[in-house]
Amino acid sequence: MKTPDTATSRISTSATGTSATGTSATGTSGTGTSGIKKLLHHPDLWRAGQLTQPPDTLSSGFAALDEHLPGCGWPRAGLAEFLLNTTGVGELRLLAPLMRELTRSEHRWVAWINPPFIPYAPALEALGIDVSRILLIHPKTHQEALWALERASRSGTCSMTLAWLDERQLHLKDTRRLQLAARQGRTLTCLFRPSEAAATNSMAELRLQMTPDEPGSVALNICKRRGGWPVSGIRLQISEERRPQEIREQLSLWRDQRRHQRQLQAETPRAEVAEVPVAEVPVAEVPLTEASGTGNRVTH
């Protein structure tokens, strides 16, 4: 009958007294609390509701987007995916401020790999982008494009890469290799994928889904971001709204200026030809790309 009393006495002693080693339970508890506090402050531990602070970022140029991005801007290195329901919804306009900053501040390339359209140099220059830092790569196959993207990202000679790959042949392991290559080369690697890719896994640290909104604006959903929950319903004004007639008039004016410049080049020695500043063309009305092999242009 004394067994329960004895057991109770031992439990009470271990909880309030000293152990066989002479260490108090209170002291052990204090050490454990200190260890937990250290664990909670570990840099690799993320708490819900907190965004991690990457070591280096650049502003996107859009305050409404920056407030939702880790570090308040695009990562300087890593893999980012842009999920689109169609090409030309404003993805290049969204990245234009970053391209302007990188081409002006760094002596590295901004590589375009397998673009669906030919970049329209006058429009890029009008946005402040140094086109002499733009590198175009046109692979013949998906494997060549993937190889070129990985090499360009890892080489360290590109501050940014933009790529359009064959979605049917792109696998999870490929995104892992691209992510590692981008970090090694300190490159922001941007993949443009169809919106259906949101249902597939990816090692990209940032995934944005873009859809056209009102004229001159886009709607953004952040499907994935490092150290944060998804965010939806972000609306950005990426360009001024222009009527089609205004766009046609401005393009016609620009073509007349270029035609006049070519005539001067044909009639006057090259050293005496006065260049027509491309920056005089209104930024919002100039398409960023033109369709390959045709006279049609697509506005981004």
Protein backbone atom coordinates (compact mmCIF):
# COMPACT_ATOMS: atom_id res chain seq x y z
CA MET A 1 0.00 0.00 0.00
CA LYS A 2 2.99 2.33 0.35
CA THR A 3 3.98 2.04 -3.27
CA PRO A 4 1.72 4.88 -4.51
CA ASP A 5 2.97 7.17 -1.73
CA THR A 6 6.56 6.37 -2.57
CA ALA A 7 5.96 7.04 -6.26
CA THR A 8 4.26 10.32 -5.48
CA SER A 9 7.14 11.32 -3.26
CA ARG A 10 9.69 10.59 -6.00
CA ILE A 11 7.75 12.56 -8.59
CA SER A 12 7.49 15.51 -6.24
CA THR A 13 11.16 15.38 -5.45
CA SER A 14 12.22 15.30 -9.12
CA ALA A 15 9.98 18.25 -9.91
CA THR A 16 10.91 20.54 -7.02
CA GLY A 17 14.08 19.23 -5.49
CA THR A 18 17.46 18.22 -6.83
CA SER A 19 18.25 15.41 -9.18
CA ALA A 20 20.80 12.68 -8.65
CA THR A 21 23.43 14.86 -10.30
CA GLY A 22 22.66 17.79 -8.01
CA THR A 23 21.25 20.00 -10.81
CA SER A 24 18.03 21.82 -9.99
CA ALA A 25 15.01 21.43 -12.31
CA THR A 26 14.69 25.21 -12.42
CA GLY A 27 18.21 25.59 -13.73
CA THR A 28 17.62 23.03 -16.45
CA SER A 29 14.42 24.80 -17.49
CA GLY A 30 16.28 28.09 -17.75
CA THR A 31 18.90 26.54 -20.01
CA GLY A 32 16.17 25.06 -22.21
CA THR A 33 14.43 28.44 -22.53
CA SER A 34 17.67 30.06 -23.56
CA GLY A 35 18.19 27.40 -26.21
CA ILE A 36 14.70 27.96 -27.61
CA LYS A 37 15.32 31.72 -27.82
CA LYS A 38 18.53 31.10 -29.75
CA LEU A 39 16.67 28.75 -32.09
CA LEU A 40 13.93 31.31 -32.72
CA HIS A 41 16.53 33.87 -33.79
CA HIS A 42 18.27 31.49 -36.19
CA PRO A 43 18.50 33.09 -39.67
CA ASP A 44 17.19 29.92 -41.36
CA LEU A 45 14.00 29.88 -39.30
CA TRP A 46 11.03 31.69 -40.80
CA ARG A 47 8.06 32.93 -38.79
CA ALA A 48 4.65 33.25 -40.43
CA GLY A 49 3.90 36.83 -41.36
CA GLN A 50 7.55 37.83 -41.72
CA LEU A 51 9.35 38.40 -45.01
CA THR A 52 12.96 37.38 -45.13
CA GLN A 53 15.43 40.09 -46.07
CA PRO A 54 17.61 39.01 -49.01
CA PRO A 55 21.17 40.34 -48.92
CA ASP A 56 20.70 42.39 -52.08
CA THR A 57 17.67 43.62 -54.03
CA LEU A 58 16.75 46.30 -56.55
CA SER A 59 13.50 48.21 -56.59
CA SER A 60 11.00 47.11 -59.22
CA GLY A 61 10.09 50.74 -59.85
CA PHE A 62 6.54 50.10 -58.64
CA ALA A 63 5.92 50.87 -54.97
CA ALA A 64 2.74 48.77 -54.85
CA LEU A 65 4.79 45.73 -55.91
CA ASP A 66 7.89 46.44 -53.83
CA GLU A 67 5.95 46.29 -50.58
CA HIS A 68 5.08 42.65 -51.28
CA LEU A 69 8.52 41.54 -52.46
CA PRO A 70 11.13 40.23 -50.02
CA GLY A 71 13.64 42.99 -49.44
CA CYS A 72 11.30 45.44 -51.21
CA GLY A 73 12.53 44.66 -54.70
CA TRP A 74 13.67 42.12 -57.29
CA PRO A 75 16.37 39.73 -56.07
CA ARG A 76 19.77 40.46 -57.57
CA ALA A 77 20.35 36.72 -58.00
CA GLY A 78 17.92 33.84 -58.36
CA LEU A 79 15.18 32.39 -60.53
CA ALA A 80 11.91 34.27 -61.09
CA GLU A 81 8.99 33.06 -63.18
CA PHE A 82 6.34 35.15 -64.91
CA LEU A 83 3.19 33.19 -65.66
CA LEU A 84 1.19 34.65 -68.57
CA ASN A 85 -2.02 33.71 -70.35
CA THR A 86 -0.61 35.33 -73.50
CA THR A 87 2.56 37.07 -74.58
CA GLY A 88 2.59 40.85 -74.41
CA VAL A 89 0.43 41.57 -71.36
CA GLY A 90 3.04 43.97 -70.00
CA GLU A 91 5.83 41.68 -68.78
CA LEU A 92 8.56 43.73 -70.47
CA ARG A 93 7.12 47.01 -69.21
CA LEU A 94 7.17 45.54 -65.72
CA LEU A 95 10.86 44.69 -66.02
CA ALA A 96 11.87 47.85 -67.90
CA PRO A 97 12.90 49.87 -64.78
CA LEU A 98 15.14 47.01 -63.67
CA MET A 99 16.70 46.63 -67.13
CA ARG A 100 17.33 50.37 -67.23
CA GLU A 101 19.11 50.26 -63.87
CA LEU A 102 21.21 47.20 -64.71
CA THR A 103 22.29 48.32 -68.19
CA ARG A 104 23.29 51.74 -66.82
CA SER A 105 25.03 50.64 -63.63
CA GLU A 106 26.72 47.36 -64.61
CA HIS A 107 29.02 46.37 -67.46
CA ARG A 108 27.27 43.04 -67.90
CA TRP A 109 24.84 41.71 -70.48
CA VAL A 110 21.07 41.46 -70.31
CA ALA A 111 20.57 38.30 -72.36
CA TRP A 112 17.35 37.53 -74.23
CA ILE A 113 17.17 33.82 -75.05
CA ASN A 114 14.70 32.60 -77.66
CA PRO A 115 12.44 35.70 -77.53
CA PRO A 116 9.13 35.27 -79.43
CA PHE A 117 9.57 38.73 -80.98
CA ILE A 118 12.48 40.90 -82.05
CA PRO A 119 13.23 43.52 -79.36
CA TYR A 120 12.43 46.98 -80.69
CA ALA A 121 15.60 48.97 -80.00
CA PRO A 122 14.15 52.52 -80.29
CA ALA A 123 11.48 51.74 -77.70
CA LEU A 124 14.02 50.23 -75.31
CA GLU A 125 16.25 53.29 -75.66
CA ALA A 126 13.26 55.56 -75.08
CA LEU A 127 12.76 53.77 -71.76
CA GLY A 128 16.34 54.54 -70.80
CA ILE A 129 17.71 51.06 -71.49
CA ASP A 130 21.22 50.89 -72.92
CA VAL A 131 20.71 48.60 -75.92
CA SER A 132 24.46 48.09 -76.29
CA ARG A 133 24.19 45.83 -73.24
CA ILE A 134 21.41 43.71 -74.79
CA LEU A 135 22.49 40.27 -76.03
CA LEU A 136 20.15 38.23 -78.26
CA ILE A 137 20.51 34.45 -78.43
CA HIS A 138 18.42 32.43 -80.88
CA PRO A 139 18.87 28.68 -80.23
CA LYS A 140 17.47 26.11 -82.64
CA THR A 141 16.17 23.59 -80.08
CA HIS A 142 14.88 23.51 -76.53
CA GLN A 143 18.01 21.77 -75.31
CA GLU A 144 20.20 24.46 -76.85
CA ALA A 145 18.06 27.16 -75.26
CA LEU A 146 18.22 25.51 -71.85
CA TRP A 147 21.98 25.05 -72.16
CA ALA A 148 22.49 28.68 -73.22
CA LEU A 149 20.32 29.95 -70.35
CA GLU A 150 22.16 27.92 -67.75
CA ARG A 151 25.58 28.95 -69.08
CA ALA A 152 24.62 32.62 -69.33
CA SER A 153 23.22 32.59 -65.78
CA ARG A 154 26.27 30.87 -64.30
CA SER A 155 28.95 32.74 -66.25
CA GLY A 156 28.79 35.96 -64.22
CA THR A 157 28.82 38.02 -67.43
CA CYS A 158 25.03 38.61 -67.38
CA SER A 159 23.25 40.74 -64.81
CA MET A 160 19.90 39.48 -66.06
CA THR A 161 18.61 36.81 -68.42
CA LEU A 162 15.17 36.55 -70.01
CA ALA A 163 14.12 33.24 -71.53
CA TRP A 164 11.18 31.70 -73.35
CA LEU A 165 11.52 27.91 -73.28
CA ASP A 166 9.42 25.01 -74.55
CA GLU A 167 7.04 24.36 -71.66
CA ARG A 168 6.41 20.77 -72.77
CA GLN A 169 10.08 19.90 -72.26
CA LEU A 170 10.74 21.91 -69.09
CA HIS A 171 11.03 19.81 -65.92
CA LEU A 172 11.43 20.45 -62.20
CA LYS A 173 15.08 19.40 -62.26
CA ASP A 174 15.72 22.03 -64.94
CA THR A 175 14.40 24.81 -62.71
CA ARG A 176 16.67 23.57 -59.92
CA ARG A 177 19.72 23.77 -62.18
CA LEU A 178 18.73 27.25 -63.32
CA GLN A 179 18.23 28.41 -59.75
CA LEU A 180 21.69 27.23 -58.73
CA ALA A 181 23.29 28.70 -61.86
CA ALA A 182 21.65 32.08 -61.25
CA ARG A 183 22.91 32.25 -57.69
CA GLN A 184 26.39 31.17 -58.70
CA GLY A 185 26.62 33.84 -61.43
CA ARG A 186 24.75 36.48 -59.39
CA THR A 187 22.18 36.77 -62.16
CA LEU A 188 18.44 37.37 -62.08
CA THR A 189 17.08 34.68 -64.39
CA CYS A 190 13.54 35.37 -65.64
CA LEU A 191 11.47 32.60 -67.16
CA PHE A 192 8.28 33.41 -69.08
CA ARG A 193 5.85 30.52 -68.84
CA PRO A 194 2.14 29.95 -69.60
CA SER A 195 -0.28 30.54 -66.74
CA GLU A 196 -1.04 26.80 -66.61
CA ALA A 197 2.46 26.29 -65.20
CA ALA A 198 1.20 27.67 -61.87
CA ALA A 199 -0.16 24.17 -61.15
CA THR A 200 3.30 22.58 -61.53
CA ASN A 201 6.17 22.56 -59.07
CA SER A 202 9.15 24.83 -59.58
CA MET A 203 12.31 25.70 -57.69
CA ALA A 204 11.91 29.39 -58.57
CA GLU A 205 12.02 31.56 -55.47
CA LEU A 206 9.58 34.06 -57.00
CA ARG A 207 6.54 33.31 -59.17
CA LEU A 208 4.22 36.03 -60.48
CA GLN A 209 1.04 35.49 -62.47
CA MET A 210 0.14 38.37 -64.78
CA THR A 211 -3.14 39.16 -66.52
CA PRO A 212 -4.18 42.27 -68.46
CA ASP A 213 -6.35 44.69 -66.52
CA GLU A 214 -7.54 48.10 -67.65
CA PRO A 215 -5.67 49.77 -70.55
CA GLY A 216 -2.12 50.52 -69.43
CA SER A 217 -2.32 48.35 -66.30
CA VAL A 218 -1.88 44.74 -65.26
CA ALA A 219 -3.15 42.55 -62.43
CA LEU A 220 -0.56 40.57 -60.49
CA ASN A 221 -0.77 37.56 -58.22
CA ILE A 222 2.35 36.51 -56.32
CA CYS A 223 2.03 32.73 -56.32
CA LYS A 224 5.29 32.14 -54.50
CA ARG A 225 7.81 34.29 -52.67
CA ARG A 226 10.63 33.41 -50.33
CA GLY A 227 9.59 33.70 -46.70
CA GLY A 228 6.02 34.86 -47.31
CA TRP A 229 2.50 33.82 -48.18
CA PRO A 230 0.99 34.22 -51.67
CA VAL A 231 -0.58 37.59 -52.45
CA SER A 232 -3.31 38.32 -54.99
CA GLY A 233 -5.06 41.37 -56.37
CA ILE A 234 -2.07 43.66 -57.00
CA ARG A 235 -2.80 46.19 -59.74
CA LEU A 236 -0.06 48.22 -61.40
CA GLN A 237 -0.19 51.09 -63.88
CA ILE A 238 2.70 50.27 -66.20
CA SER A 239 2.09 52.79 -69.00
CA GLU A 240 -0.08 55.71 -69.93
CA GLU A 241 -3.36 54.97 -71.62
CA ARG A 242 -3.28 55.96 -75.30
CA ARG A 243 -5.93 55.86 -77.98
CA PRO A 244 -5.09 53.72 -81.05
CA GLN A 245 -5.20 56.82 -83.25
CA GLU A 246 -2.58 58.54 -81.08
CA ILE A 247 -0.32 55.51 -81.32
CA ARG A 248 -0.62 55.39 -85.11
CA GLU A 249 0.13 59.11 -85.39
CA GLN A 250 3.23 58.86 -83.21
CA LEU A 251 4.54 55.82 -85.05
CA SER A 252 3.96 57.54 -88.38
CA LEU A 253 5.91 60.55 -87.14
CA TRP A 254 8.77 58.34 -85.99
CA ARG A 255 8.86 56.51 -89.35
CA ASP A 256 9.01 59.86 -91.18
CA GLN A 257 11.96 60.89 -89.02
CA ARG A 258 13.79 57.65 -89.72
CA ARG A 259 13.07 57.89 -93.45
CA HIS A 260 14.46 61.42 -93.48
CA GLN A 261 17.55 60.27 -91.62
CA ARG A 262 18.19 57.46 -94.15
CA GLN A 263 17.89 59.96 -96.99
CA LEU A 264 20.49 62.18 -95.33
CA GLN A 265 22.81 59.22 -94.91
CA ALA A 266 22.49 58.41 -98.61
CA GLU A 267 23.17 62.00 -99.71
CA THR A 268 25.70 63.20 -97.12
CA PRO A 269 29.04 61.78 -95.92
CA ARG A 270 28.52 59.79 -92.75
CA ALA A 271 30.56 62.15 -90.57
CA GLU A 272 28.18 65.02 -91.34
CA VAL A 273 24.90 63.20 -90.63
CA ALA A 274 23.06 64.49 -87.57
CA GLU A 275 21.52 61.64 -85.62
CA VAL A 276 17.82 61.91 -84.73
CA PRO A 277 17.53 61.28 -80.97
CA VAL A 278 15.48 58.16 -80.39
CA ALA A 279 14.47 59.45 -76.96
CA GLU A 280 12.32 62.10 -78.64
CA VAL A 281 9.77 59.40 -79.47
CA PRO A 282 7.14 59.29 -76.68
CA VAL A 283 7.86 56.27 -74.48
CA ALA A 284 4.31 55.12 -73.88
CA GLU A 285 3.44 54.95 -77.55
CA VAL A 286 6.37 52.93 -78.84
CA PRO A 287 6.11 49.11 -78.98
CA LEU A 288 8.91 47.23 -77.26
CA THR A 289 9.00 44.39 -79.75
CA GLU A 290 8.15 43.72 -83.36
CA ALA A 291 6.95 40.44 -84.80
CA SER A 292 9.73 38.37 -86.29
CA GLY A 293 9.54 38.10 -90.05
CA THR A 294 6.61 40.48 -90.49
CA GLY A 295 5.90 44.18 -90.44
CA ASN A 296 3.51 43.87 -87.51
CA ARG A 297 4.47 45.13 -84.10
CA VAL A 298 3.27 44.00 -80.72
CA THR A 299 3.04 46.48 -77.84
CA HIS A 300 4.12 45.29 -74.43
